[in-house]
Amino acid sequence: MILPVVAYGDPVLRKVGKEIDKDYPELSTLIANMWETMENANGVGLAAPQIGKSIRLFVIDATPFADDEEATPEEIEVLSSFRKVFINAKIESEEGDEWAFEEGCLSIPEIREEVWRNETIHVTYQDENFKTHKATYSGLAARVFQHEYDHIDGVLFTDKLSSLKKRLLKKKLENISKGKIGADYRMRYFNAKRK
C-alpha cells in the first residue's frame, strides 16, 4: 500500500526514533509498504519517520546510482545491488574528506541543495530478519545511508545548510509545511489547516 509521505513541518520528523525488535507489529507489511511508497515517489531511500512512525527503520534502493557516468567500477559494483532494509542502524565511525553533493528529500519536495558529508562510514545494522551486519560504505552509498540515518535521529538535510541558505529557503519550507506544493505523490501536511 502506498502511504502518504510526511511533509516538512511535522514534529514526527524531529523525533529520535526508538529501536524495535522482531515483535514489532506487522513489520513485514510495514517494510513492503515503505518500498512501495518510496518507489511510487521515485525515491532512493525512505525512513519510517517519513511515514509517521518514530522508529529506527529505513529502506534504501541506491541501484539507480549505478548508472552514474562518474561512478568508479568499485562504486558501480556496490550500488548495483544496494537495495536493503536497515533496522536499528548505528554509524560506528566516519572518515575521509567531506564532499558536497546535491541532496533532495521526499519530505521536502522541490528543494535540492549541496550537503557536505564524510566520504566513508562504518556501520552496524539489522536486516529484516534481525540478523546483525557490520558494513563499510563509501561515496554515494555512504551518502544515502547518512541521509536516511539522519531521519531516524530527527535530523533533516536542510539542518546541515548554512544559516544564509536556511534563511533563503525559509518561505519555501513554510509553504511545504502548509501543503502549498505540487508533489506528484501522496503527502501528509501537518500545517495545511493553519494560516
Protein backbone atom coordinates (compact mmCIF):
# COMPACT_ATOMS: atom_id res chain seq x y z
CA MET A 1 0.00 0.00 0.00
CA ILE A 2 1.27 3.46 -0.90
CA LEU A 3 1.41 5.60 2.24
CA PRO A 4 1.44 9.41 2.37
CA VAL A 5 4.89 10.91 2.87
CA VAL A 6 5.05 13.23 5.88
CA ALA A 7 5.93 16.78 4.81
CA TYR A 8 8.43 19.16 6.37
CA GLY A 9 6.95 20.80 9.48
CA ASP A 10 5.51 17.65 11.07
CA PRO A 11 7.00 17.08 14.56
CA VAL A 12 7.48 13.35 13.85
CA LEU A 13 10.37 14.29 11.56
CA ARG A 14 12.16 15.83 14.57
CA LYS A 15 11.85 12.87 16.94
CA VAL A 16 14.66 10.42 17.62
CA GLY A 17 13.34 7.01 16.56
CA LYS A 18 13.01 4.13 19.01
CA GLU A 19 14.75 0.80 18.46
CA ILE A 20 12.46 -2.08 17.51
CA ASP A 21 12.64 -5.86 17.80
CA LYS A 22 11.20 -8.78 15.84
CA ASP A 23 7.90 -8.46 17.74
CA TYR A 24 7.14 -5.05 16.21
CA PRO A 25 3.54 -5.38 14.92
CA GLU A 26 3.14 -6.17 11.21
CA LEU A 27 6.76 -5.28 10.44
CA SER A 28 6.90 -7.17 7.13
CA THR A 29 3.78 -5.33 5.91
CA LEU A 30 5.25 -2.01 7.01
CA ILE A 31 8.50 -2.71 5.14
CA ALA A 32 6.58 -3.76 1.99
CA ASN A 33 4.52 -0.54 2.20
CA MET A 34 7.68 1.54 2.63
CA TRP A 35 9.23 0.00 -0.52
CA GLU A 36 6.03 0.67 -2.47
CA THR A 37 5.75 4.24 -1.16
CA MET A 38 9.41 5.02 -1.96
CA GLU A 39 9.21 3.56 -5.46
CA ASN A 40 5.95 5.39 -6.21
CA ALA A 41 7.67 8.68 -5.31
CA ASN A 42 10.85 7.81 -7.29
CA GLY A 43 12.96 8.00 -4.14
CA VAL A 44 16.16 6.13 -3.34
CA GLY A 45 15.52 5.97 0.40
CA LEU A 46 12.66 6.24 2.88
CA ALA A 47 12.83 6.31 6.67
CA ALA A 48 9.98 5.33 8.99
CA PRO A 49 9.57 8.89 10.38
CA GLN A 50 8.71 9.98 6.83
CA ILE A 51 5.57 7.85 7.03
CA GLY A 52 4.78 8.96 10.58
CA LYS A 53 6.49 6.17 12.58
CA SER A 54 9.14 7.23 15.07
CA ILE A 55 11.19 4.03 14.88
CA ARG A 56 14.74 3.18 13.74
CA LEU A 57 13.93 1.70 10.35
CA PHE A 58 14.73 2.79 6.82
CA VAL A 59 14.95 1.28 3.34
CA ILE A 60 17.39 2.20 0.58
CA ASP A 61 17.49 1.36 -3.11
CA ALA A 62 20.58 3.09 -4.49
CA THR A 63 20.69 0.90 -7.62
CA PRO A 64 19.76 3.85 -9.91
CA PHE A 65 23.10 5.47 -8.97
CA ALA A 66 24.96 2.53 -10.54
CA ASP A 67 24.22 4.19 -13.90
CA ASP A 68 26.05 7.39 -12.88
CA GLU A 69 28.71 8.11 -15.51
CA GLU A 70 31.13 9.38 -12.85
CA ALA A 71 30.88 6.27 -10.66
CA THR A 72 34.03 4.19 -10.33
CA PRO A 73 33.92 0.43 -11.09
CA GLU A 74 34.06 -0.23 -7.32
CA GLU A 75 31.09 2.11 -6.71
CA ILE A 76 29.10 0.55 -9.54
CA GLU A 77 29.67 -2.90 -8.02
CA VAL A 78 28.32 -1.75 -4.63
CA LEU A 79 25.48 0.41 -5.95
CA SER A 80 24.18 -2.13 -8.48
CA SER A 81 22.97 -4.36 -5.61
CA PHE A 82 22.43 -1.73 -2.90
CA ARG A 83 18.79 -2.45 -2.05
CA LYS A 84 18.49 -3.07 1.67
CA VAL A 85 16.40 -2.77 4.82
CA PHE A 86 18.16 -1.18 7.80
CA ILE A 87 16.83 -1.72 11.33
CA ASN A 88 18.39 -0.20 14.47
CA ALA A 89 21.31 1.09 12.39
CA LYS A 90 24.25 2.78 14.05
CA ILE A 91 27.10 4.73 12.48
CA GLU A 92 30.13 3.50 14.43
CA SER A 93 32.63 5.91 12.82
CA GLU A 94 33.13 8.24 9.87
CA GLU A 95 36.32 9.01 7.97
CA GLY A 96 37.68 10.62 4.84
CA ASP A 97 37.26 14.11 3.49
CA GLU A 98 33.85 15.71 3.49
CA TRP A 99 32.44 16.17 -0.01
CA ALA A 100 29.45 18.04 -1.37
CA PHE A 101 26.60 16.53 -3.33
CA GLU A 102 23.15 17.88 -4.16
CA GLU A 103 20.54 16.15 -2.00
CA GLY A 104 16.79 16.16 -2.02
CA CYS A 105 14.20 14.58 0.25
CA LEU A 106 10.70 13.18 -0.30
CA SER A 107 9.54 15.11 2.79
CA ILE A 108 10.93 18.36 1.35
CA PRO A 109 9.86 18.32 -2.31
CA GLU A 110 11.19 20.83 -4.86
CA ILE A 111 14.25 21.72 -2.75
CA ARG A 112 17.68 20.37 -3.64
CA GLU A 113 20.86 21.69 -2.03
CA GLU A 114 24.50 20.72 -1.71
CA VAL A 115 25.24 18.94 1.56
CA TRP A 116 28.71 18.10 2.89
CA ARG A 117 29.17 14.58 4.30
CA ASN A 118 32.05 12.27 5.16
CA GLU A 119 33.30 10.01 2.39
CA THR A 120 33.31 6.70 4.34
CA ILE A 121 31.24 5.31 7.20
CA HIS A 122 31.45 2.12 9.29
CA VAL A 123 28.03 0.90 10.40
CA THR A 124 26.18 -1.87 12.18
CA TYR A 125 22.55 -2.70 11.50
CA GLN A 126 19.99 -5.47 11.49
CA ASP A 127 18.21 -6.67 8.36
CA GLU A 128 14.50 -7.54 8.11
CA ASN A 129 15.25 -10.94 9.72
CA PHE A 130 17.09 -9.22 12.61
CA LYS A 131 20.43 -10.63 11.56
CA THR A 132 23.19 -8.21 12.61
CA HIS A 133 25.60 -6.90 9.97
CA LYS A 134 28.74 -4.76 10.02
CA ALA A 135 29.48 -2.81 6.84
CA THR A 136 31.66 -0.06 5.42
CA TYR A 137 30.17 2.25 2.79
CA SER A 138 31.84 4.97 0.75
CA GLY A 139 30.74 7.54 -1.80
CA LEU A 140 27.09 7.61 -2.81
CA ALA A 141 26.20 4.50 -0.78
CA ALA A 142 27.55 6.23 2.35
CA ARG A 143 25.73 9.46 1.48
CA VAL A 144 22.31 7.83 1.02
CA PHE A 145 22.81 5.87 4.24
CA GLN A 146 23.78 9.06 6.16
CA HIS A 147 20.75 10.92 4.79
CA GLU A 148 18.32 8.19 5.90
CA TYR A 149 20.17 7.68 9.19
CA ASP A 150 19.70 11.39 9.93
CA HIS A 151 15.93 10.86 9.62
CA ILE A 152 15.86 8.29 12.44
CA ASP A 153 17.77 10.81 14.58
CA GLY A 154 15.28 13.62 13.84
CA VAL A 155 17.68 15.48 11.50
CA LEU A 156 16.84 16.82 8.01
CA PHE A 157 19.31 17.66 5.27
CA THR A 158 18.26 21.33 5.49
CA ASP A 159 19.70 21.38 9.04
CA LYS A 160 23.15 20.93 7.50
CA LEU A 161 22.90 24.07 5.34
CA SER A 162 24.46 27.45 6.15
CA SER A 163 22.35 29.94 8.08
CA LEU A 164 22.19 32.13 4.96
CA LYS A 165 20.91 29.23 2.84
CA LYS A 166 18.33 28.40 5.53
CA ARG A 167 17.07 32.00 5.52
CA LEU A 168 16.78 31.93 1.73
CA LEU A 169 14.73 28.70 1.91
CA LYS A 170 12.51 29.77 4.83
CA LYS A 171 9.46 30.75 2.74
CA LYS A 172 9.68 27.63 0.57
CA LEU A 173 9.86 25.44 3.68
CA GLU A 174 6.85 27.22 5.21
CA ASN A 175 4.90 26.62 2.00
CA ILE A 176 5.77 22.91 2.10
CA SER A 177 4.55 22.62 5.69
CA LYS A 178 1.24 24.28 4.67
CA GLY A 179 0.73 22.00 1.68
CA LYS A 180 1.35 24.73 -0.89
CA ILE A 181 3.41 22.40 -3.02
CA GLY A 182 2.92 20.33 -6.15
CA ALA A 183 4.37 16.93 -5.24
CA ASP A 184 3.37 14.14 -7.63
CA TYR A 185 2.97 11.58 -4.82
CA ARG A 186 0.73 11.39 -1.74
CA MET A 187 1.81 13.66 1.11
CA ARG A 188 0.57 14.43 4.62
CA TYR A 189 0.86 18.06 5.73
CA PHE A 190 0.98 19.00 9.40
CA ASN A 191 0.14 22.70 8.99
CA ALA A 192 -2.20 22.53 5.99
CA LYS A 193 -5.20 23.75 8.02
CA ARG A 194 -3.33 26.64 9.68
CA LYS A 195 -2.78 30.09 8.25
